[in-house]
Protein backbone atom coordinates (compact mmCIF):
# COMPACT_ATOMS: atom_id res chain seq x y z
CA UNK A 1 0.00 0.00 0.00
CA UNK A 2 1.34 3.43 -0.94
CA UNK A 3 1.32 6.26 1.58
CA UNK A 4 2.35 9.91 1.51
CA UNK A 5 6.06 10.65 1.36
CA UNK A 6 6.04 12.80 4.47
CA UNK A 7 4.53 11.72 7.77
CA UNK A 8 4.00 14.67 10.15
CA UNK A 9 3.12 13.78 13.71
CA UNK A 10 -0.31 14.64 15.09
CA UNK A 11 1.33 17.05 17.53
CA UNK A 12 2.91 19.01 14.68
CA UNK A 13 -0.47 20.45 13.72
CA UNK A 14 -2.67 20.34 16.81
CA UNK A 15 -5.72 22.02 15.27
CA UNK A 16 -8.90 20.07 14.69
CA UNK A 17 -10.06 22.41 11.89
CA UNK A 18 -8.50 24.77 9.36
CA UNK A 19 -10.63 27.89 9.69
CA UNK A 20 -8.05 30.55 8.88
CA UNK A 21 -4.39 31.48 8.73
CA UNK A 22 -4.61 33.97 11.58
CA UNK A 23 -3.24 32.33 14.70
CA UNK A 24 -1.17 29.65 12.96
CA UNK A 25 2.47 29.49 13.99
CA UNK A 26 5.36 29.60 11.49
CA UNK A 27 6.19 25.96 12.24
CA UNK A 28 2.60 24.88 11.53
CA UNK A 29 2.55 26.73 8.21
CA UNK A 30 5.94 25.25 7.30
CA UNK A 31 4.71 21.74 8.15
CA UNK A 32 1.81 22.11 5.70
CA UNK A 33 4.03 23.55 2.97
CA UNK A 34 6.66 20.83 3.41
CA UNK A 35 4.06 18.08 3.22
CA UNK A 36 2.49 19.72 0.17
CA UNK A 37 5.90 19.53 -1.55
CA UNK A 38 5.72 15.74 -1.46
CA UNK A 39 2.25 15.81 -2.97
CA UNK A 40 3.42 18.03 -5.84
CA UNK A 41 5.75 15.24 -6.91
CA UNK A 42 3.06 12.58 -6.40
CA UNK A 43 0.64 14.52 -8.63
CA UNK A 44 3.18 14.55 -11.44
CA UNK A 45 3.44 10.74 -11.49
CA UNK A 46 1.37 8.54 -13.83
CA UNK A 47 -0.10 6.79 -10.77
CA UNK A 48 -1.48 9.64 -8.68
CA UNK A 49 -3.61 7.67 -6.23
CA UNK A 50 -2.74 6.79 -2.64
CA UNK A 51 -4.70 5.18 0.21
CA UNK A 52 -4.00 7.78 2.89
CA UNK A 53 -7.71 8.62 3.26
CA UNK A 54 -9.16 5.21 2.47
CA UNK A 55 -12.37 4.81 4.46
CA UNK A 56 -12.78 8.56 4.93
CA UNK A 57 -15.66 10.64 3.54
CA UNK A 58 -15.34 14.28 2.49
CA UNK A 59 -18.29 16.55 1.74
CA UNK A 60 -17.79 19.71 -0.31
CA UNK A 61 -20.52 22.06 0.95
CA UNK A 62 -20.46 25.10 -1.32
CA UNK A 63 -22.96 27.93 -0.94
CA UNK A 64 -21.07 30.00 -3.53
CA UNK A 65 -20.06 28.93 -7.00
CA UNK A 66 -16.48 27.79 -7.47
CA UNK A 67 -14.46 26.01 -10.10
CA UNK A 68 -10.86 25.94 -8.89
CA UNK A 69 -11.40 25.47 -5.18
CA UNK A 70 -14.11 22.83 -5.27
CA UNK A 71 -12.49 20.87 -8.09
CA UNK A 72 -9.09 20.88 -6.40
CA UNK A 73 -10.54 19.71 -3.07
CA UNK A 74 -12.36 16.93 -4.92
CA UNK A 75 -9.23 15.92 -6.81
CA UNK A 76 -7.15 16.09 -3.63
CA UNK A 77 -9.50 13.83 -1.68
CA UNK A 78 -9.96 11.30 -4.50
CA UNK A 79 -6.23 11.03 -5.13
CA UNK A 80 -5.86 10.15 -1.45
CA UNK A 81 -8.52 7.47 -1.58
CA UNK A 82 -11.46 9.25 0.08
CA UNK A 83 -15.11 9.14 -0.93
CA UNK A 84 -16.31 12.60 -2.02
CA UNK A 85 -19.77 14.15 -2.10
CA UNK A 86 -20.33 17.57 -3.72
CA UNK A 87 -23.23 19.72 -2.55
CA UNK A 88 -23.92 23.12 -4.07
CA UNK A 89 -26.48 25.67 -2.88
CA UNK A 90 -28.67 24.88 -5.89
CA UNK A 91 -28.96 21.27 -4.70
CA UNK A 92 -29.23 21.93 -0.97
CA UNK A 93 -32.23 22.20 1.32
CA UNK A 94 -31.20 25.79 2.11
CA UNK A 95 -32.98 26.71 -1.10
CA UNK A 96 -36.13 25.38 0.58
CA UNK A 97 -35.60 27.51 3.68
CA UNK A 98 -33.35 25.30 5.82
CA UNK A 99 -30.67 27.13 7.79
CA UNK A 100 -26.93 26.58 7.33
CA UNK A 101 -26.69 24.99 10.78
CA UNK A 102 -29.63 22.65 10.12
CA UNK A 103 -27.97 21.54 6.91
CA UNK A 104 -24.70 21.01 8.74
CA UNK A 105 -26.37 18.99 11.50
CA UNK A 106 -28.14 16.84 8.91
CA UNK A 107 -24.85 16.10 7.19
CA UNK A 108 -23.13 15.53 10.54
CA UNK A 109 -25.63 12.76 11.30
CA UNK A 110 -24.21 10.93 8.25
CA UNK A 111 -20.74 10.90 9.90
CA UNK A 112 -18.53 12.60 7.31
CA UNK A 113 -14.90 12.93 8.31
CA UNK A 114 -14.29 16.30 6.65
CA UNK A 115 -16.59 19.15 5.67
CA UNK A 116 -15.14 21.65 3.20
CA UNK A 117 -17.32 24.74 3.35
CA UNK A 118 -17.62 27.88 1.23
CA UNK A 119 -20.17 30.45 2.31
CA UNK A 120 -20.87 34.14 1.63
CA UNK A 121 -21.17 34.80 5.37
CA UNK A 122 -18.04 35.79 7.30
CA UNK A 123 -17.65 33.72 10.45
CA UNK A 124 -20.24 31.11 9.46
CA UNK A 125 -17.63 28.37 9.03
CA UNK A 126 -16.32 28.97 12.54
CA UNK A 127 -19.84 28.62 13.95
CA UNK A 128 -20.46 25.48 11.94
CA UNK A 129 -17.22 23.90 13.16
CA UNK A 130 -18.55 24.03 16.73
CA UNK A 131 -21.55 21.87 15.79
CA UNK A 132 -20.00 18.95 13.91
CA UNK A 133 -17.85 15.97 14.86
CA UNK A 134 -15.45 15.87 11.92
CA UNK A 135 -12.85 18.32 10.68
CA UNK A 136 -13.96 21.52 8.95
CA UNK A 137 -11.94 23.31 6.28
CA UNK A 138 -12.76 26.90 5.40
CA UNK A 139 -12.88 27.17 1.61
CA UNK A 140 -13.77 30.86 1.87
CA UNK A 141 -16.21 32.62 4.20
CA UNK A 142 -17.47 35.98 2.99
CA UNK A 143 -14.73 38.59 3.10
CA UNK A 144 -13.04 36.93 6.07
CA UNK A 145 -10.49 34.24 5.14
CA UNK A 146 -9.50 31.68 2.50
CA UNK A 147 -6.66 29.78 4.19
CA UNK A 148 -5.85 27.17 1.55
CA UNK A 149 -5.49 29.89 -1.09
CA UNK A 150 -2.87 31.65 1.02
CA UNK A 151 -1.06 28.35 1.58
CA UNK A 152 -0.97 27.53 -2.13
CA UNK A 153 0.24 31.05 -2.89
CA UNK A 154 3.00 30.64 -0.32
CA UNK A 155 4.02 27.26 -1.73
CA UNK A 156 4.12 28.72 -5.25
CA UNK A 157 6.38 31.56 -4.13
CA UNK A 158 8.62 29.33 -2.02
CA UNK A 159 9.14 26.85 -4.85
CA UNK A 160 10.12 29.61 -7.27
CA UNK A 161 12.21 31.86 -4.97
CA UNK A 162 13.23 29.41 -2.24
CA UNK A 163 11.91 31.50 0.64
CA UNK A 164 9.20 33.77 1.97
CA UNK A 165 11.18 35.66 4.60
CA UNK A 166 12.48 39.02 3.44
CA UNK A 167 10.45 39.20 0.23
CA UNK A 168 8.37 42.26 -0.63
CA UNK A 169 4.89 41.33 -1.80
CA UNK A 170 2.31 43.78 -3.17
CA UNK A 171 -1.34 42.66 -3.03
CA UNK A 172 -3.32 44.83 -5.43
CA UNK A 173 -6.96 45.37 -6.21
CA UNK A 174 -10.19 44.93 -4.28
CA UNK A 175 -8.66 44.65 -0.82
CA UNK A 176 -11.86 45.58 0.97
CA UNK A 177 -13.85 42.53 -0.09
CA UNK A 178 -11.02 40.01 -0.45
CA UNK A 179 -10.67 37.01 1.86
CA UNK A 180 -7.62 36.05 -0.21
CA UNK A 181 -5.92 39.32 0.75
CA UNK A 182 -6.62 38.81 4.46
CA UNK A 183 -5.31 35.25 4.54
CA UNK A 184 -2.22 36.20 2.55
CA UNK A 185 -1.48 39.15 4.80
CA UNK A 186 -1.64 36.92 7.88
CA UNK A 187 0.55 34.23 6.31
CA UNK A 188 3.17 36.50 4.76
CA UNK A 189 3.52 38.56 7.94
CA UNK A 190 3.87 35.40 10.01
CA UNK A 191 6.56 34.06 7.68
CA UNK A 192 8.62 37.27 7.68
CA UNK A 193 7.72 38.87 4.35
CA UNK A 194 7.12 42.58 3.87
CA UNK A 195 3.54 43.15 2.70
CA UNK A 196 2.00 46.06 0.83
CA UNK A 197 -1.61 46.50 -0.22
CA UNK A 198 -2.49 48.66 -3.21
CA UNK A 199 -6.04 49.75 -4.05
CA UNK A 200 -8.34 52.66 -4.83
CA UNK A 201 -9.23 54.58 -1.66
CA UNK A 202 -12.77 53.18 -1.84
CA UNK A 203 -11.45 49.60 -1.76
CA UNK A 204 -8.77 50.04 0.90
CA UNK A 205 -10.31 49.63 4.38
CA UNK A 206 -8.67 51.38 7.31
CA UNK A 207 -8.31 48.22 9.46
CA UNK A 208 -5.74 46.80 7.03
CA UNK A 209 -3.17 49.32 8.25
CA UNK A 210 -3.42 47.67 11.68
CA UNK A 211 -2.43 44.30 10.20
CA UNK A 212 1.16 45.42 9.77
CA UNK A 213 1.07 46.26 6.07
CA UNK A 214 1.98 49.33 4.04
CA UNK A 215 -1.00 50.87 2.24
CA UNK A 216 -0.84 52.57 -1.16
CA UNK A 217 -3.41 54.12 -3.47
CA UNK A 218 -0.84 54.84 -6.21
CA UNK A 219 -0.14 51.64 -8.14
CA UNK A 220 3.31 52.63 -9.38
CA UNK A 221 4.54 53.64 -5.93
CA UNK A 222 3.08 50.53 -4.37
CA UNK A 223 4.97 48.27 -6.78
CA UNK A 224 8.37 49.91 -6.34
CA UNK A 225 11.00 47.26 -5.60
CA UNK A 226 8.50 44.41 -5.18
CA UNK A 227 9.45 40.76 -5.64
CA UNK A 228 5.86 39.58 -6.09
CA UNK A 229 2.82 41.35 -7.53
CA UNK A 230 -0.40 39.60 -6.53
CA UNK A 231 -3.49 40.86 -8.34
CA UNK A 232 -7.08 40.49 -7.11
CA UNK A 233 -10.32 40.67 -9.05
CA UNK A 234 -13.09 43.15 -8.34
CA UNK A 235 -15.56 41.32 -6.08
CA UNK A 236 -18.63 42.82 -7.71
CA UNK A 237 -20.92 40.26 -6.06
CA UNK A 238 -20.02 41.71 -2.65
CA UNK A 239 -20.32 45.37 -3.64
CA UNK A 240 -23.33 47.49 -2.82
CA UNK A 241 -22.95 50.78 -4.63
CA UNK A 242 -20.26 52.20 -6.92
CA UNK A 243 -16.70 51.69 -5.70
CA UNK A 244 -14.94 52.61 -8.95
CA UNK A 245 -15.96 55.09 -11.69
CA UNK A 246 -15.84 52.49 -14.47
CA UNK A 247 -14.01 49.34 -15.50
CA UNK A 248 -12.02 51.39 -18.00
CA UNK A 249 -10.91 53.88 -15.35
CA UNK A 250 -10.10 51.09 -12.93
CA UNK A 251 -7.75 49.41 -15.39
CA UNK A 252 -6.13 52.73 -16.28
CA UNK A 253 -5.09 53.42 -12.69
CA UNK A 254 -4.99 50.03 -10.93
CA UNK A 255 -4.87 47.35 -13.63
CA UNK A 256 -1.53 45.59 -14.03
CA UNK A 257 0.24 46.22 -17.33
CA UNK A 258 3.91 46.31 -18.28
CA UNK A 259 4.11 50.06 -17.78
CA UNK A 260 3.12 49.87 -14.11
CA UNK A 261 5.15 46.68 -13.64
CA UNK A 262 8.34 48.55 -14.59
CA UNK A 263 8.54 50.04 -11.09
CA UNK A 264 8.77 46.57 -9.51
CA UNK A 265 11.98 44.54 -9.59
CA UNK A 266 13.03 43.51 -13.12
CA UNK A 267 12.36 39.86 -12.28
CA UNK A 268 9.20 40.46 -10.23
CA UNK A 269 6.71 37.60 -10.49
CA UNK A 270 2.98 37.92 -11.11
CA UNK A 271 0.19 36.07 -9.32
CA UNK A 272 -3.61 35.97 -9.42
CA UNK A 273 -5.95 33.65 -7.46
CA UNK A 274 -8.47 33.52 -10.31
CA UNK A 275 -10.85 33.85 -11.89
CA UNK A 276 -9.18 36.62 -13.88
CA UNK A 277 -10.97 39.55 -15.45
CA UNK A 278 -8.61 40.27 -18.33
CA UNK A 279 -8.44 43.94 -19.19
CA UNK A 280 -9.90 44.89 -15.79
CA UNK A 281 -7.32 44.02 -13.12
CA UNK A 282 -4.68 42.52 -15.38
CA UNK A 283 -3.57 42.81 -18.99
CA UNK A 284 -3.68 39.56 -20.97
CA UNK A 285 -0.09 39.89 -22.14
CA UNK A 286 1.12 40.18 -18.55
CA UNK A 287 -1.07 37.33 -17.32
CA UNK A 288 0.27 35.03 -20.04
CA UNK A 289 3.94 35.96 -19.65
CA UNK A 290 5.46 32.50 -19.23
CA UNK A 291 8.65 33.89 -17.73
CA UNK A 292 6.99 35.89 -14.97
CA UNK A 293 3.44 34.68 -14.43
CA UNK A 294 2.88 32.06 -11.72
CA UNK A 295 -0.87 31.83 -12.29
CA UNK A 296 -0.91 28.31 -13.73
CA UNK A 297 1.53 27.12 -11.07
CA UNK A 298 -0.86 28.41 -8.42
CA UNK A 299 -3.58 26.13 -9.78
CA UNK A 300 -1.25 23.11 -9.65
CA UNK A 301 -0.11 23.93 -6.12
CA UNK A 302 -3.74 24.17 -5.00
CA UNK A 303 -4.28 20.42 -5.31
CA UNK A 304 -1.06 19.58 -3.43
CA UNK A 305 -1.79 22.02 -0.60
CA UNK A 306 -5.31 20.71 -0.14
CA UNK A 307 -3.98 17.16 -0.05
CA UNK A 308 -1.58 18.18 2.70
CA UNK A 309 -4.35 19.87 4.71
CA UNK A 310 -6.66 16.86 4.44
CA UNK A 311 -3.78 14.54 5.38
CA UNK A 312 -2.89 16.47 8.53
CA UNK A 313 -6.43 17.13 9.71
CA UNK A 314 -7.58 13.52 9.33
CA UNK A 315 -4.62 12.32 11.39
CA UNK A 316 -6.22 14.09 14.34
CA UNK A 317 -9.54 12.25 13.89
CA UNK A 318 -10.52 8.84 15.20
CA UNK A 319 -9.12 6.03 13.00
CA UNK A 320 -11.16 5.18 9.90
CA UNK A 321 -12.79 1.71 9.92
CA UNK A 322 -11.13 0.94 13.22
CA UNK A 323 -7.66 0.90 11.69
CA UNK A 324 -4.59 3.07 12.18
CA UNK A 325 -5.00 6.75 11.41
């Protein structure tokens, strides 16, 4: 029987759930990234399947649409031997008036080992985690956090540059509504990077300054000397009212093109969590620059990181089928 290449101890990651990056220690983040490295190599082999999660059941409970996140969690679990059930809001009883907690309790009665949850409500995943027996993974809750995205971003950077400590990273775009920005700020600060956020004044909330980041409203100044430029999309589904004059004006001042990128380091790398709005927050030529864009690598790292998270969290559960965990 094949198992994962790395075998972290249960005490190396003592958390029952993965609800956010905030509060994780550098050693805990490093453990997840190191384990994910082994899964990157596994995923590049012809035989990608292992039996690490044989006997386990994972439910993807998504109350918001997703392609990358849900698919990568499903791939991650199946490659590790788990049974996977996908539930979207269109198929759930919530559409009939059932509450999130009632849905969670119904699913909990079926004894899943892991619930992967995406919800438009900040803090809802934390509340849900207090009501179920298995492990809960936050796949994005409102504008709060998206921990596995920050982990896959960190793995992508570390594999390309060999480190996180000492790097200067600019996170640009719709900071106000971005759970990706919040999780990345927590992770990068914890791991010793220097973080900047760049956005229009209407999309740059005051509390971010208290998170230990430098705030810029001028794109060119914000990118000066940066190692990494991480672009974010406009979260129009979370906006009530006009935050930018127009898409055209937004791209003119805050969209990433080669002209603005010139102020960053000559070898600065480009990232985007997806989905991309080409010509809005990023120019197509920049996004497709094979020498500098890490966007496709981020997608690949997403599967490996989610495999690592599922591996570690299930080690802290009761053994599956009465066997060894």
